[in-house]
C-alpha cells in the first residue's frame, strides 16, 4: 500500500488531501509513523522525530494514528488477496507477498493479476496500491518500490540479473544504512559491483549475510511464500515526553509496558522464555539486556520480575528516553517447520507504538 496510514487519514478526512501530513510525531518527543507523499517531498520519513520533520516541512500537519481503522482496511484488502490465492504471506498491515503461480482465477499472467488486484483495492477502499512482480520474493519486493506511488513493475526471468546489476546497492532489500556505508568503503555501489565480489570475500566482510548477498544479486532467493508465518517475538516500547533518571519512574513505566505485553500474549495465546529489556538513552545510544528462564511465562507479574532484574543488572549510564520489553523464545517455535533447504528462518517484526 502507498503511504498506507497517511493515505487512510487523507481518505477519511478530505481536508487533508493534497497536504503534507504525518501520522504520529505530534508530541514533543513524538516519532513519525508514516508520511504522505506531499510530506516526503520535503524529506519527511517514517521513524523520524516529529521535531526534525517539522523543521524540514514547517507546514506539516500531524495526525493521531488510528490503528483500529488501519486494521479494518488491511483485513478488507487481505480478503481481496484470498480471492486470487491462498498463498498470502503478510509482512505488516500494508504489505504482503502473494504466490500466484497457480491461482484461483486461472490467469497465467501475474502482471495482469497484480493490475486487477490493485484496481479492486482502489474500488473497494479508495486507496492506491503498488506491486512488484518477478520470479522470487526478493526481486518482487524491490520491484514493488520501483514505480511507487500507484504503479507496478514486472521483472521478467531473463531481465532479473541485468535489473539487479544496475540497481543502487542501498536499494537492495536487507541492505540498511550501516551496511550500505560499509559496502561503499569496499567499492560496492551497484549490484554489478556486488556481483564482482567472491562469496569468500563477502562472507569474510559480512559474516552470515555474505552468502545471502552473493546469491540474491544473482537472482537466487529460494524462500517460499509462507501463509502461516510464525511469530518469533512480541513486545512493546514507550518513548517518554521527558527523559527520566529515577529507577522508580522507570519501574512504573515498565509495569505499564508489561501489562500491554500480557494483553497481547493473551490475545495471541503464546508465552515465552526470553525477556529482553531495551533502553535508549538521551544521547540516542541503545542498550539491550536479556535473560532466558527455564519455563514459559505470559503474565505481567513474571515478565516484570525479570525486567526489574535486568534493569538493576548494571547502573544507567545516562537519562533514559525510551524503555521497551520483548518476549522471545516463544512456545510457537516448536510448531514451526523449517524448509529442509533453509537452516535459519529470519522474520522481521515491528513493535507497535
C-alpha atoms as a PDB file:
ATOM      1  CA  UNK A   1       0.000   0.000   0.000  1.00  0.00           C
ATOM      2  CA  UNK A   2       1.179   3.533  -0.779  1.00  0.00           C
ATOM      3  CA  UNK A   3       1.884   5.607   2.379  1.00  0.00           C
ATOM      4  CA  UNK A   4      -0.842   3.484   3.982  1.00  0.00           C
ATOM      5  CA  UNK A   5      -1.509   5.186   7.341  1.00  0.00           C
ATOM      6  CA  UNK A   6      -1.258   8.683   5.860  1.00  0.00           C
ATOM      7  CA  UNK A   7      -3.392   7.718   2.851  1.00  0.00           C
ATOM      8  CA  UNK A   8      -6.104   6.341   5.140  1.00  0.00           C
ATOM      9  CA  UNK A   9      -6.173   9.615   7.070  1.00  0.00           C
ATOM     10  CA  UNK A  10      -6.463  11.579   3.822  1.00  0.00           C
ATOM     11  CA  UNK A  11      -9.196   9.215   2.640  1.00  0.00           C
ATOM     12  CA  UNK A  12     -11.222   9.715   5.821  1.00  0.00           C
ATOM     13  CA  UNK A  13     -10.637  13.462   6.044  1.00  0.00           C
ATOM     14  CA  UNK A  14     -10.978  15.261   2.673  1.00  0.00           C
ATOM     15  CA  UNK A  15      -9.471  18.427   4.195  1.00  0.00           C
ATOM     16  CA  UNK A  16      -6.124  16.596   4.431  1.00  0.00           C
ATOM     17  CA  UNK A  17      -5.980  15.543   0.786  1.00  0.00           C
ATOM     18  CA  UNK A  18      -3.144  17.034  -1.183  1.00  0.00           C
ATOM     19  CA  UNK A  19      -1.473  18.266   2.004  1.00  0.00           C
ATOM     20  CA  UNK A  20       1.744  17.313   3.759  1.00  0.00           C
ATOM     21  CA  UNK A  21       0.704  15.181   6.734  1.00  0.00           C
ATOM     22  CA  UNK A  22       2.465  12.905   9.205  1.00  0.00           C
ATOM     23  CA  UNK A  23       0.785  10.224  11.274  1.00  0.00           C
ATOM     24  CA  UNK A  24       2.114  10.406  14.831  1.00  0.00           C
ATOM     25  CA  UNK A  25       5.033  12.597  15.791  1.00  0.00           C
ATOM     26  CA  UNK A  26       2.905  15.457  17.065  1.00  0.00           C
ATOM     27  CA  UNK A  27       4.054  15.448  20.680  1.00  0.00           C
ATOM     28  CA  UNK A  28       7.307  16.956  21.927  1.00  0.00           C
ATOM     29  CA  UNK A  29       9.096  13.607  21.667  1.00  0.00           C
ATOM     30  CA  UNK A  30       6.867  12.032  19.042  1.00  0.00           C
ATOM     31  CA  UNK A  31       8.044   9.847  16.163  1.00  0.00           C
ATOM     32  CA  UNK A  32       6.539   9.857  12.664  1.00  0.00           C
ATOM     33  CA  UNK A  33       4.788   6.555  11.860  1.00  0.00           C
ATOM     34  CA  UNK A  34       4.005   7.474   8.260  1.00  0.00           C
ATOM     35  CA  UNK A  35       4.245  10.473   5.946  1.00  0.00           C
ATOM     36  CA  UNK A  36       2.123  11.410   2.948  1.00  0.00           C
ATOM     37  CA  UNK A  37       3.840  11.752  -0.417  1.00  0.00           C
ATOM     38  CA  UNK A  38       3.347  15.506  -0.154  1.00  0.00           C
ATOM     39  CA  UNK A  39       5.433  15.434   3.043  1.00  0.00           C
ATOM     40  CA  UNK A  40       8.035  13.066   1.609  1.00  0.00           C
ATOM     41  CA  UNK A  41       8.961  15.678  -0.990  1.00  0.00           C
ATOM     42  CA  UNK A  42      10.424  17.670   1.906  1.00  0.00           C
ATOM     43  CA  UNK A  43      12.383  14.692   3.251  1.00  0.00           C
ATOM     44  CA  UNK A  44       9.908  13.634   5.945  1.00  0.00           C
ATOM     45  CA  UNK A  45      10.129   9.875   6.553  1.00  0.00           C
ATOM     46  CA  UNK A  46       8.758   7.284   8.961  1.00  0.00           C
ATOM     47  CA  UNK A  47      10.774   6.733  12.171  1.00  0.00           C
ATOM     48  CA  UNK A  48      11.882  10.388  12.051  1.00  0.00           C
ATOM     49  CA  UNK A  49      11.374  12.539  15.131  1.00  0.00           C
ATOM     50  CA  UNK A  50       8.465  14.937  14.866  1.00  0.00           C
ATOM     51  CA  UNK A  51      10.685  17.927  15.655  1.00  0.00           C
ATOM     52  CA  UNK A  52      13.028  17.178  12.736  1.00  0.00           C
ATOM     53  CA  UNK A  53      10.056  16.540  10.434  1.00  0.00           C
ATOM     54  CA  UNK A  54       8.607  19.941  11.361  1.00  0.00           C
ATOM     55  CA  UNK A  55      11.912  21.668  10.580  1.00  0.00           C
ATOM     56  CA  UNK A  56      12.042  20.015   7.163  1.00  0.00           C
ATOM     57  CA  UNK A  57       8.400  20.818   6.435  1.00  0.00           C
ATOM     58  CA  UNK A  58       7.128  23.778   8.514  1.00  0.00           C
ATOM     59  CA  UNK A  59       3.561  23.423   7.193  1.00  0.00           C
ATOM     60  CA  UNK A  60       3.432  19.710   8.128  1.00  0.00           C
ATOM     61  CA  UNK A  61       0.136  18.606   9.695  1.00  0.00           C
ATOM     62  CA  UNK A  62       0.398  15.954  12.441  1.00  0.00           C
ATOM     63  CA  UNK A  63      -2.462  13.450  12.696  1.00  0.00           C
ATOM     64  CA  UNK A  64      -3.080  10.988  15.527  1.00  0.00           C
ATOM     65  CA  UNK A  65      -2.859   7.334  14.475  1.00  0.00           C
ATOM     66  CA  UNK A  66      -5.955   5.151  14.344  1.00  0.00           C
ATOM     67  CA  UNK A  67      -4.800   1.538  14.234  1.00  0.00           C
ATOM     68  CA  UNK A  68      -8.292   0.093  14.506  1.00  0.00           C
ATOM     69  CA  UNK A  69      -9.147   1.790  11.223  1.00  0.00           C
ATOM     70  CA  UNK A  70      -5.882   0.662   9.591  1.00  0.00           C
ATOM     71  CA  UNK A  71      -6.528  -2.944  10.653  1.00  0.00           C
ATOM     72  CA  UNK A  72     -10.075  -2.792   9.333  1.00  0.00           C
ATOM     73  CA  UNK A  73      -8.888  -1.713   5.871  1.00  0.00           C
ATOM     74  CA  UNK A  74      -5.963  -4.135   5.972  1.00  0.00           C
ATOM     75  CA  UNK A  75      -8.358  -7.044   6.549  1.00  0.00           C
ATOM     76  CA  UNK A  76     -10.548  -5.845   3.700  1.00  0.00           C
ATOM     77  CA  UNK A  77      -7.518  -5.739   1.381  1.00  0.00           C
ATOM     78  CA  UNK A  78      -6.367  -9.152   2.543  1.00  0.00           C
ATOM     79  CA  UNK A  79      -9.749 -10.625   1.651  1.00  0.00           C
ATOM     80  CA  UNK A  80      -9.166  -9.423  -1.914  1.00  0.00           C
ATOM     81  CA  UNK A  81      -5.818 -11.265  -1.974  1.00  0.00           C
ATOM     82  CA  UNK A  82      -7.534 -14.500  -0.971  1.00  0.00           C
ATOM     83  CA  UNK A  83      -9.849 -14.213  -3.963  1.00  0.00           C
ATOM     84  CA  UNK A  84      -6.778 -14.991  -6.062  1.00  0.00           C
ATOM     85  CA  UNK A  85      -4.617 -17.303  -3.954  1.00  0.00           C
ATOM     86  CA  UNK A  86      -4.354 -18.884  -0.516  1.00  0.00           C
ATOM     87  CA  UNK A  87      -0.578 -18.401  -0.601  1.00  0.00           C
ATOM     88  CA  UNK A  88      -0.541 -14.986   1.077  1.00  0.00           C
ATOM     89  CA  UNK A  89       2.278 -14.029   3.453  1.00  0.00           C
ATOM     90  CA  UNK A  90       1.511 -10.766   5.281  1.00  0.00           C
ATOM     91  CA  UNK A  91       4.552  -8.728   6.295  1.00  0.00           C
ATOM     92  CA  UNK A  92       2.631  -5.966   8.047  1.00  0.00           C
ATOM     93  CA  UNK A  93      -0.761  -4.249   7.850  1.00  0.00           C
ATOM     94  CA  UNK A  94       0.132  -2.720   4.492  1.00  0.00           C
ATOM     95  CA  UNK A  95       2.313  -5.281   2.711  1.00  0.00           C
ATOM     96  CA  UNK A  96       2.197  -8.941   1.686  1.00  0.00           C
ATOM     97  CA  UNK A  97       3.724 -11.487  -0.654  1.00  0.00           C
ATOM     98  CA  UNK A  98       1.405 -13.455  -2.945  1.00  0.00           C
ATOM     99  CA  UNK A  99       2.334 -16.592  -4.867  1.00  0.00           C
ATOM    100  CA  UNK A 100       0.054 -16.670  -7.933  1.00  0.00           C
ATOM    101  CA  UNK A 101       1.882 -19.395  -9.863  1.00  0.00           C
ATOM    102  CA  UNK A 102      -1.326 -21.380  -9.548  1.00  0.00           C
ATOM    103  CA  UNK A 103      -4.219 -19.038  -8.825  1.00  0.00           C
ATOM    104  CA  UNK A 104      -7.965 -19.274  -8.307  1.00  0.00           C
ATOM    105  CA  UNK A 105      -8.712 -17.215 -11.422  1.00  0.00           C
ATOM    106  CA  UNK A 106      -6.737 -19.461 -13.754  1.00  0.00           C
ATOM    107  CA  UNK A 107      -4.952 -16.371 -15.059  1.00  0.00           C
ATOM    108  CA  UNK A 108      -1.487 -17.216 -16.440  1.00  0.00           C
ATOM    109  CA  UNK A 109      -0.239 -13.615 -16.169  1.00  0.00           C
ATOM    110  CA  UNK A 110       0.999 -12.430 -12.767  1.00  0.00           C
ATOM    111  CA  UNK A 111       1.289  -8.924 -14.236  1.00  0.00           C
ATOM    112  CA  UNK A 112      -2.414  -8.834 -15.127  1.00  0.00           C
ATOM    113  CA  UNK A 113      -3.357 -10.314 -11.749  1.00  0.00           C
ATOM    114  CA  UNK A 114      -1.428  -7.540  -9.969  1.00  0.00           C
ATOM    115  CA  UNK A 115      -3.153  -4.920 -12.101  1.00  0.00           C
ATOM    116  CA  UNK A 116      -6.536  -6.445 -11.347  1.00  0.00           C
ATOM    117  CA  UNK A 117      -5.867  -6.638  -7.600  1.00  0.00           C
ATOM    118  CA  UNK A 118      -4.725  -3.014  -7.495  1.00  0.00           C
ATOM    119  CA  UNK A 119      -7.865  -1.909  -9.342  1.00  0.00           C
ATOM    120  CA  UNK A 120     -10.049  -3.904  -6.952  1.00  0.00           C
ATOM    121  CA  UNK A 121      -8.325  -2.398  -3.899  1.00  0.00           C
ATOM    122  CA  UNK A 122      -8.969   1.063  -5.316  1.00  0.00           C
ATOM    123  CA  UNK A 123     -12.617   0.206  -5.986  1.00  0.00           C
ATOM    124  CA  UNK A 124     -13.256  -1.371  -2.575  1.00  0.00           C
ATOM    125  CA  UNK A 125     -11.251   1.007  -0.364  1.00  0.00           C
ATOM    126  CA  UNK A 126     -10.444   4.137  -2.367  1.00  0.00           C
ATOM    127  CA  UNK A 127      -6.718   3.577  -1.685  1.00  0.00           C
ATOM    128  CA  UNK A 128      -3.788   3.187  -4.062  1.00  0.00           C
ATOM    129  CA  UNK A 129      -1.509   0.156  -4.057  1.00  0.00           C
ATOM    130  CA  UNK A 130       1.719  -0.668  -5.856  1.00  0.00           C
ATOM    131  CA  UNK A 131       3.079  -4.077  -6.832  1.00  0.00           C
ATOM    132  CA  UNK A 132       6.252  -5.832  -7.863  1.00  0.00           C
ATOM    133  CA  UNK A 133       6.121  -8.973  -9.980  1.00  0.00           C
ATOM    134  CA  UNK A 134       9.023 -11.365 -10.534  1.00  0.00           C
ATOM    135  CA  UNK A 135      10.443 -14.838 -10.053  1.00  0.00           C
ATOM    136  CA  UNK A 136      11.011 -14.660  -6.295  1.00  0.00           C
ATOM    137  CA  UNK A 137      10.220 -12.620  -3.183  1.00  0.00           C
ATOM    138  CA  UNK A 138      13.488 -10.675  -3.180  1.00  0.00           C
ATOM    139  CA  UNK A 139      13.167  -9.281  -6.695  1.00  0.00           C
ATOM    140  CA  UNK A 140       9.402  -8.708  -6.352  1.00  0.00           C
ATOM    141  CA  UNK A 141      10.000  -6.728  -3.146  1.00  0.00           C
ATOM    142  CA  UNK A 142      12.490  -4.411  -4.854  1.00  0.00           C
ATOM    143  CA  UNK A 143      10.254  -4.063  -7.921  1.00  0.00           C
ATOM    144  CA  UNK A 144       7.283  -3.048  -5.745  1.00  0.00           C
ATOM    145  CA  UNK A 145       9.073   0.209  -4.849  1.00  0.00           C
ATOM    146  CA  UNK A 146      10.142   0.922  -8.411  1.00  0.00           C
ATOM    147  CA  UNK A 147       7.047   2.729  -9.711  1.00  0.00           C
ATOM    148  CA  UNK A 148       5.508   3.990  -6.461  1.00  0.00           C
ATOM    149  CA  UNK A 149       3.049   5.519  -5.910  1.00  0.00           C
ATOM    150  CA  UNK A 150       0.181   3.754  -7.661  1.00  0.00           C
ATOM    151  CA  UNK A 151       2.265   1.715 -10.086  1.00  0.00           C
ATOM    152  CA  UNK A 152       3.750  -1.682 -10.710  1.00  0.00           C
ATOM    153  CA  UNK A 153       6.909  -3.172 -12.137  1.00  0.00           C
ATOM    154  CA  UNK A 154       7.426  -6.586 -13.698  1.00  0.00           C
ATOM    155  CA  UNK A 155      10.917  -8.058 -13.889  1.00  0.00           C
ATOM    156  CA  UNK A 156      10.827 -10.976 -16.322  1.00  0.00           C
ATOM    157  CA  UNK A 157      13.042 -14.034 -15.716  1.00  0.00           C
ATOM    158  CA  UNK A 158      15.540 -13.050 -18.422  1.00  0.00           C
ATOM    159  CA  UNK A 159      15.711  -9.477 -17.064  1.00  0.00           C
ATOM    160  CA  UNK A 160      16.469 -10.296 -13.439  1.00  0.00           C
ATOM    161  CA  UNK A 161      20.282 -10.254 -13.482  1.00  0.00           C
ATOM    162  CA  UNK A 162      20.537  -7.057 -15.528  1.00  0.00           C
ATOM    163  CA  UNK A 163      17.910  -5.394 -13.313  1.00  0.00           C
ATOM    164  CA  UNK A 164      19.887  -6.249 -10.182  1.00  0.00           C
ATOM    165  CA  UNK A 165      23.258  -5.301 -11.696  1.00  0.00           C
ATOM    166  CA  UNK A 166      22.021  -1.780 -12.468  1.00  0.00           C
ATOM    167  CA  UNK A 167      20.433  -1.300  -9.041  1.00  0.00           C
ATOM    168  CA  UNK A 168      21.998   1.001  -6.448  1.00  0.00           C
ATOM    169  CA  UNK A 169      23.210  -1.106  -3.546  1.00  0.00           C
ATOM    170  CA  UNK A 170      21.161   0.856  -0.985  1.00  0.00           C
ATOM    171  CA  UNK A 171      18.002  -0.266  -2.788  1.00  0.00           C
ATOM    172  CA  UNK A 172      18.744  -3.942  -2.150  1.00  0.00           C
ATOM    173  CA  UNK A 173      16.243  -5.279   0.375  1.00  0.00           C
ATOM    174  CA  UNK A 174      18.208  -6.172   3.510  1.00  0.00           C
ATOM    175  CA  UNK A 175      20.957  -3.594   2.971  1.00  0.00           C
ATOM    176  CA  UNK A 176      20.437  -0.910   5.601  1.00  0.00           C
ATOM    177  CA  UNK A 177      22.238   2.382   6.087  1.00  0.00           C
ATOM    178  CA  UNK A 178      25.158   0.933   8.070  1.00  0.00           C
ATOM    179  CA  UNK A 179      25.696  -1.976   5.651  1.00  0.00           C
ATOM    180  CA  UNK A 180      25.462   0.366   2.658  1.00  0.00           C
ATOM    181  CA  UNK A 181      28.194   2.589   4.139  1.00  0.00           C
ATOM    182  CA  UNK A 182      30.418  -0.443   4.657  1.00  0.00           C
ATOM    183  CA  UNK A 183      29.813  -1.539   1.069  1.00  0.00           C
ATOM    184  CA  UNK A 184      30.691   1.930  -0.224  1.00  0.00           C
ATOM    185  CA  UNK A 185      34.007   1.702   1.612  1.00  0.00           C
ATOM    186  CA  UNK A 186      34.642  -1.602  -0.172  1.00  0.00           C
ATOM    187  CA  UNK A 187      33.884  -0.051  -3.563  1.00  0.00           C
ATOM    188  CA  UNK A 188      30.437  -1.645  -3.857  1.00  0.00           C
ATOM    189  CA  UNK A 189      27.957   0.916  -5.174  1.00  0.00           C
ATOM    190  CA  UNK A 190      25.752  -1.133  -7.527  1.00  0.00           C
ATOM    191  CA  UNK A 191      24.578  -4.676  -7.966  1.00  0.00           C
ATOM    192  CA  UNK A 192      27.258  -5.118 -10.631  1.00  0.00           C
ATOM    193  CA  UNK A 193      29.944  -4.174  -8.098  1.00  0.00           C
ATOM    194  CA  UNK A 194      28.487  -6.635  -5.595  1.00  0.00           C
ATOM    195  CA  UNK A 195      28.361  -9.389  -8.202  1.00  0.00           C
ATOM    196  CA  UNK A 196      32.077  -8.940  -8.900  1.00  0.00           C
ATOM    197  CA  UNK A 197      32.947  -9.969  -5.323  1.00  0.00           C
ATOM    198  CA  UNK A 198      33.533 -13.615  -4.472  1.00  0.00           C
ATOM    199  CA  UNK A 199      31.414 -15.482  -1.948  1.00  0.00           C
ATOM    200  CA  UNK A 200      34.503 -15.896   0.244  1.00  0.00           C
ATOM    201  CA  UNK A 201      35.157 -12.146   0.219  1.00  0.00           C
ATOM    202  CA  UNK A 202      31.545 -11.330   1.135  1.00  0.00           C
ATOM    203  CA  UNK A 203      31.495 -13.957   3.897  1.00  0.00           C
ATOM    204  CA  UNK A 204      34.713 -12.504   5.329  1.00  0.00           C
ATOM    205  CA  UNK A 205      33.342  -8.941   5.306  1.00  0.00           C
ATOM    206  CA  UNK A 206      29.671  -9.573   6.182  1.00  0.00           C
ATOM    207  CA  UNK A 207      29.633 -12.885   8.022  1.00  0.00           C
ATOM    208  CA  UNK A 208      26.489 -14.992   7.574  1.00  0.00           C
ATOM    209  CA  UNK A 209      24.955 -12.300   5.367  1.00  0.00           C
ATOM    210  CA  UNK A 210      27.785 -12.678   2.839  1.00  0.00           C
ATOM    211  CA  UNK A 211      26.426 -15.794   1.067  1.00  0.00           C
ATOM    212  CA  UNK A 212      22.968 -14.176   1.077  1.00  0.00           C
ATOM    213  CA  UNK A 213      24.277 -11.108  -0.790  1.00  0.00           C
ATOM    214  CA  UNK A 214      26.248 -13.377  -3.158  1.00  0.00           C
ATOM    215  CA  UNK A 215      23.081 -15.288  -4.107  1.00  0.00           C
ATOM    216  CA  UNK A 216      20.450 -12.549  -4.266  1.00  0.00           C
ATOM    217  CA  UNK A 217      22.471 -10.365  -6.655  1.00  0.00           C
ATOM    218  CA  UNK A 218      22.342 -13.362  -8.991  1.00  0.00           C
ATOM    219  CA  UNK A 219      18.581 -13.601  -8.596  1.00  0.00           C
ATOM    220  CA  UNK A 220      18.781 -16.641  -6.323  1.00  0.00           C
ATOM    221  CA  UNK A 221      16.346 -16.493  -3.416  1.00  0.00           C
ATOM    222  CA  UNK A 222      14.629 -19.760  -2.513  1.00  0.00           C
ATOM    223  CA  UNK A 223      12.383 -18.574   0.307  1.00  0.00           C
ATOM    224  CA  UNK A 224       8.805 -19.675  -0.360  1.00  0.00           C
ATOM    225  CA  UNK A 225       5.705 -17.613   0.323  1.00  0.00           C
ATOM    226  CA  UNK A 226       4.666 -18.819   3.781  1.00  0.00           C
ATOM    227  CA  UNK A 227       0.955 -18.274   4.535  1.00  0.00           C
ATOM    228  CA  UNK A 228       1.363 -19.108   8.239  1.00  0.00           C
ATOM    229  CA  UNK A 229       4.246 -17.015   9.482  1.00  0.00           C
ATOM    230  CA  UNK A 230       5.307 -17.983  12.978  1.00  0.00           C
ATOM    231  CA  UNK A 231       5.716 -15.089  15.403  1.00  0.00           C
ATOM    232  CA  UNK A 232       9.252 -15.064  16.787  1.00  0.00           C
ATOM    233  CA  UNK A 233       8.853 -12.379  19.461  1.00  0.00           C
ATOM    234  CA  UNK A 234       6.355  -9.986  20.924  1.00  0.00           C
ATOM    235  CA  UNK A 235       6.986  -6.696  22.645  1.00  0.00           C
ATOM    236  CA  UNK A 236       6.147  -3.084  23.321  1.00  0.00           C
ATOM    237  CA  UNK A 237       8.098   0.083  23.963  1.00  0.00           C
ATOM    238  CA  UNK A 238       7.467   3.655  25.017  1.00  0.00           C
ATOM    239  CA  UNK A 239       9.234   6.941  24.285  1.00  0.00           C
ATOM    240  CA  UNK A 240       8.868   9.451  27.114  1.00  0.00           C
ATOM    241  CA  UNK A 241       7.950  13.115  26.772  1.00  0.00           C
ATOM    242  CA  UNK A 242      10.761  13.925  29.228  1.00  0.00           C
ATOM    243  CA  UNK A 243      13.970  11.991  29.925  1.00  0.00           C
ATOM    244  CA  UNK A 244      13.789  10.039  33.155  1.00  0.00           C
ATOM    245  CA  UNK A 245      16.586   9.256  35.605  1.00  0.00           C
ATOM    246  CA  UNK A 246      14.740   7.761  38.556  1.00  0.00           C
ATOM    247  CA  UNK A 247      14.555   3.962  38.609  1.00  0.00           C
ATOM    248  CA  UNK A 248      11.241   4.263  40.465  1.00  0.00           C
ATOM    249  CA  UNK A 249       9.744   6.091  37.474  1.00  0.00           C
ATOM    250  CA  UNK A 250      11.313   3.521  35.139  1.00  0.00           C
ATOM    251  CA  UNK A 251       9.704   0.676  37.074  1.00  0.00           C
ATOM    252  CA  UNK A 252       6.352   2.416  36.832  1.00  0.00           C
ATOM    253  CA  UNK A 253       6.724   2.679  33.046  1.00  0.00           C
ATOM    254  CA  UNK A 254       7.901  -0.935  32.782  1.00  0.00           C
ATOM    255  CA  UNK A 255       4.816  -2.078  34.662  1.00  0.00           C
ATOM    256  CA  UNK A 256       2.564  -0.438  32.043  1.00  0.00           C
ATOM    257  CA  UNK A 257       4.622  -1.992  29.240  1.00  0.00           C
ATOM    258  CA  UNK A 258       4.473  -5.458  30.862  1.00  0.00           C
ATOM    259  CA  UNK A 259       0.715  -5.061  31.183  1.00  0.00           C
ATOM    260  CA  UNK A 260       0.443  -4.303  27.469  1.00  0.00           C
ATOM    261  CA  UNK A 261       2.567  -7.350  26.605  1.00  0.00           C
ATOM    262  CA  UNK A 262       0.409  -9.563  28.840  1.00  0.00           C
ATOM    263  CA  UNK A 263      -2.643  -8.388  26.902  1.00  0.00           C
ATOM    264  CA  UNK A 264      -1.006  -9.147  23.547  1.00  0.00           C
ATOM    265  CA  UNK A 265       0.239 -12.543  24.703  1.00  0.00           C
ATOM    266  CA  UNK A 266      -3.269 -13.482  25.844  1.00  0.00           C
ATOM    267  CA  UNK A 267      -4.691 -12.364  22.510  1.00  0.00           C
ATOM    268  CA  UNK A 268      -2.084 -14.380  20.576  1.00  0.00           C
ATOM    269  CA  UNK A 269      -2.286 -17.316  23.023  1.00  0.00           C
ATOM    270  CA  UNK A 270       1.505 -17.581  23.339  1.00  0.00           C
ATOM    271  CA  UNK A 271       4.154 -17.475  26.086  1.00  0.00           C
ATOM    272  CA  UNK A 272       7.932 -17.127  26.068  1.00  0.00           C
ATOM    273  CA  UNK A 273      11.143 -17.836  27.953  1.00  0.00           C
ATOM    274  CA  UNK A 274      13.457 -14.962  26.998  1.00  0.00           C
ATOM    275  CA  UNK A 275      12.853 -11.430  28.263  1.00  0.00           C
ATOM    276  CA  UNK A 276      14.764  -8.564  26.649  1.00  0.00           C
ATOM    277  CA  UNK A 277      14.901  -5.078  28.113  1.00  0.00           C
ATOM    278  CA  UNK A 278      15.546  -2.276  25.624  1.00  0.00           C
ATOM    279  CA  UNK A 279      16.950   1.037  26.870  1.00  0.00           C
ATOM    280  CA  UNK A 280      17.543   4.118  24.734  1.00  0.00           C
ATOM    281  CA  UNK A 281      19.448   6.894  26.451  1.00  0.00           C
ATOM    282  CA  UNK A 282      19.149  10.645  25.960  1.00  0.00           C
ATOM    283  CA  UNK A 283      22.195  10.563  23.646  1.00  0.00           C
ATOM    284  CA  UNK A 284      20.281   8.027  21.496  1.00  0.00           C
ATOM    285  CA  UNK A 285      22.631   5.137  22.264  1.00  0.00           C
ATOM    286  CA  UNK A 286      20.786   1.853  22.560  1.00  0.00           C
ATOM    287  CA  UNK A 287      21.334  -0.949  25.034  1.00  0.00           C
ATOM    288  CA  UNK A 288      19.619  -4.341  25.349  1.00  0.00           C
ATOM    289  CA  UNK A 289      19.780  -6.794  28.241  1.00  0.00           C
ATOM    290  CA  UNK A 290      18.319 -10.297  28.016  1.00  0.00           C
ATOM    291  CA  UNK A 291      17.656 -13.245  30.275  1.00  0.00           C
ATOM    292  CA  UNK A 292      16.299 -16.698  29.439  1.00  0.00           C
ATOM    293  CA  UNK A 293      14.488 -18.668  32.119  1.00  0.00           C
ATOM    294  CA  UNK A 294      13.644 -22.373  32.197  1.00  0.00           C
ATOM    295  CA  UNK A 295       9.862 -22.073  31.806  1.00  0.00           C
ATOM    296  CA  UNK A 296       7.334 -20.195  29.675  1.00  0.00           C
ATOM    297  CA  UNK A 297       5.802 -17.036  31.098  1.00  0.00           C
ATOM    298  CA  UNK A 298       2.934 -14.832  29.939  1.00  0.00           C
ATOM    299  CA  UNK A 299       1.782 -12.833  32.972  1.00  0.00           C
ATOM    300  CA  UNK A 300       2.592  -9.220  33.753  1.00  0.00           C
ATOM    301  CA  UNK A 301       3.983 -10.121  37.175  1.00  0.00           C
ATOM    302  CA  UNK A 302       6.538 -12.646  35.896  1.00  0.00           C
ATOM    303  CA  UNK A 303       7.575 -10.518  32.904  1.00  0.00           C
ATOM    304  CA  UNK A 304       8.045  -7.520  35.191  1.00  0.00           C
ATOM    305  CA  UNK A 305      10.035  -9.570  37.697  1.00  0.00           C
ATOM    306  CA  UNK A 306      12.628 -10.465  35.021  1.00  0.00           C
ATOM    307  CA  UNK A 307      12.575  -6.940  33.556  1.00  0.00           C
ATOM    308  CA  UNK A 308      13.325  -5.499  37.017  1.00  0.00           C
ATOM    309  CA  UNK A 309      16.287  -7.834  37.396  1.00  0.00           C
ATOM    310  CA  UNK A 310      17.610  -6.683  34.027  1.00  0.00           C
ATOM    311  CA  UNK A 311      17.069  -3.034  34.933  1.00  0.00           C
ATOM    312  CA  UNK A 312      19.164  -3.423  38.095  1.00  0.00           C
ATOM    313  CA  UNK A 313      21.770  -5.545  36.313  1.00  0.00           C
ATOM    314  CA  UNK A 314      24.018  -2.508  35.891  1.00  0.00           C
ATOM    315  CA  UNK A 315      23.814   1.203  36.516  1.00  0.00           C
ATOM    316  CA  UNK A 316      22.222   3.511  33.990  1.00  0.00           C
ATOM    317  CA  UNK A 317      24.854   5.451  32.087  1.00  0.00           C
ATOM    318  CA  UNK A 318      22.588   8.417  31.337  1.00  0.00           C
ATOM    319  CA  UNK A 319      18.995   9.608  31.494  1.00  0.00           C
ATOM    320  CA  UNK A 320      16.549   7.431  29.581  1.00  0.00           C
ATOM    321  CA  UNK A 321      14.221   8.481  26.740  1.00  0.00           C
ATOM    322  CA  UNK A 322      12.784   5.043  25.826  1.00  0.00           C
ATOM    323  CA  UNK A 323      12.120   1.715  27.513  1.00  0.00           C
ATOM    324  CA  UNK A 324      10.905  -1.470  25.898  1.00  0.00           C
ATOM    325  CA  UNK A 325      10.318  -5.100  26.779  1.00  0.00           C
ATOM    326  CA  UNK A 326      10.096  -8.020  24.390  1.00  0.00           C
ATOM    327  CA  UNK A 327       9.442 -11.706  24.938  1.00  0.00           C
ATOM    328  CA  UNK A 328      11.025 -14.242  22.605  1.00  0.00           C
ATOM    329  CA  UNK A 329      11.829 -17.957  22.533  1.00  0.00           C
ATOM    330  CA  UNK A 330       8.078 -18.409  22.258  1.00  0.00           C
ATOM    331  CA  UNK A 331       6.169 -21.654  22.509  1.00  0.00           C
ATOM    332  CA  UNK A 332       5.245 -21.199  18.834  1.00  0.00           C
ATOM    333  CA  UNK A 333       8.800 -22.182  17.855  1.00  0.00           C
ATOM    334  CA  UNK A 334       8.097 -25.885  18.244  1.00  0.00           C
ATOM    335  CA  UNK A 335       5.218 -25.584  15.782  1.00  0.00           C
ATOM    336  CA  UNK A 336       7.431 -24.194  13.035  1.00  0.00           C
ATOM    337  CA  UNK A 337       8.500 -26.473  10.236  1.00  0.00           C
ATOM    338  CA  UNK A 338      11.675 -25.222   8.621  1.00  0.00           C
ATOM    339  CA  UNK A 339      12.210 -25.988   4.941  1.00  0.00           C
ATOM    340  CA  UNK A 340      14.951 -28.552   4.529  1.00  0.00           C
ATOM    341  CA  UNK A 341      16.863 -26.117   2.315  1.00  0.00           C
ATOM    342  CA  UNK A 342      16.804 -23.390   4.970  1.00  0.00           C
ATOM    343  CA  UNK A 343      18.957 -23.683   8.062  1.00  0.00           C
ATOM    344  CA  UNK A 344      17.741 -20.410   9.520  1.00  0.00           C
ATOM    345  CA  UNK A 345      14.476 -18.535   9.381  1.00  0.00           C
ATOM    346  CA  UNK A 346      14.546 -14.747   9.515  1.00  0.00           C
ATOM    347  CA  UNK A 347      11.321 -12.991  10.458  1.00  0.00           C
ATOM    348  CA  UNK A 348      11.159  -9.213  10.687  1.00  0.00           C
ATOM    349  CA  UNK A 349       8.863  -7.954  13.401  1.00  0.00           C
ATOM    350  CA  UNK A 350       7.843  -4.416  14.274  1.00  0.00           C
ATOM    351  CA  UNK A 351       6.905  -3.166  17.688  1.00  0.00           C
ATOM    352  CA  UNK A 352       3.616  -1.376  17.824  1.00  0.00           C
ATOM    353  CA  UNK A 353       3.712   2.083  19.300  1.00  0.00           C
END
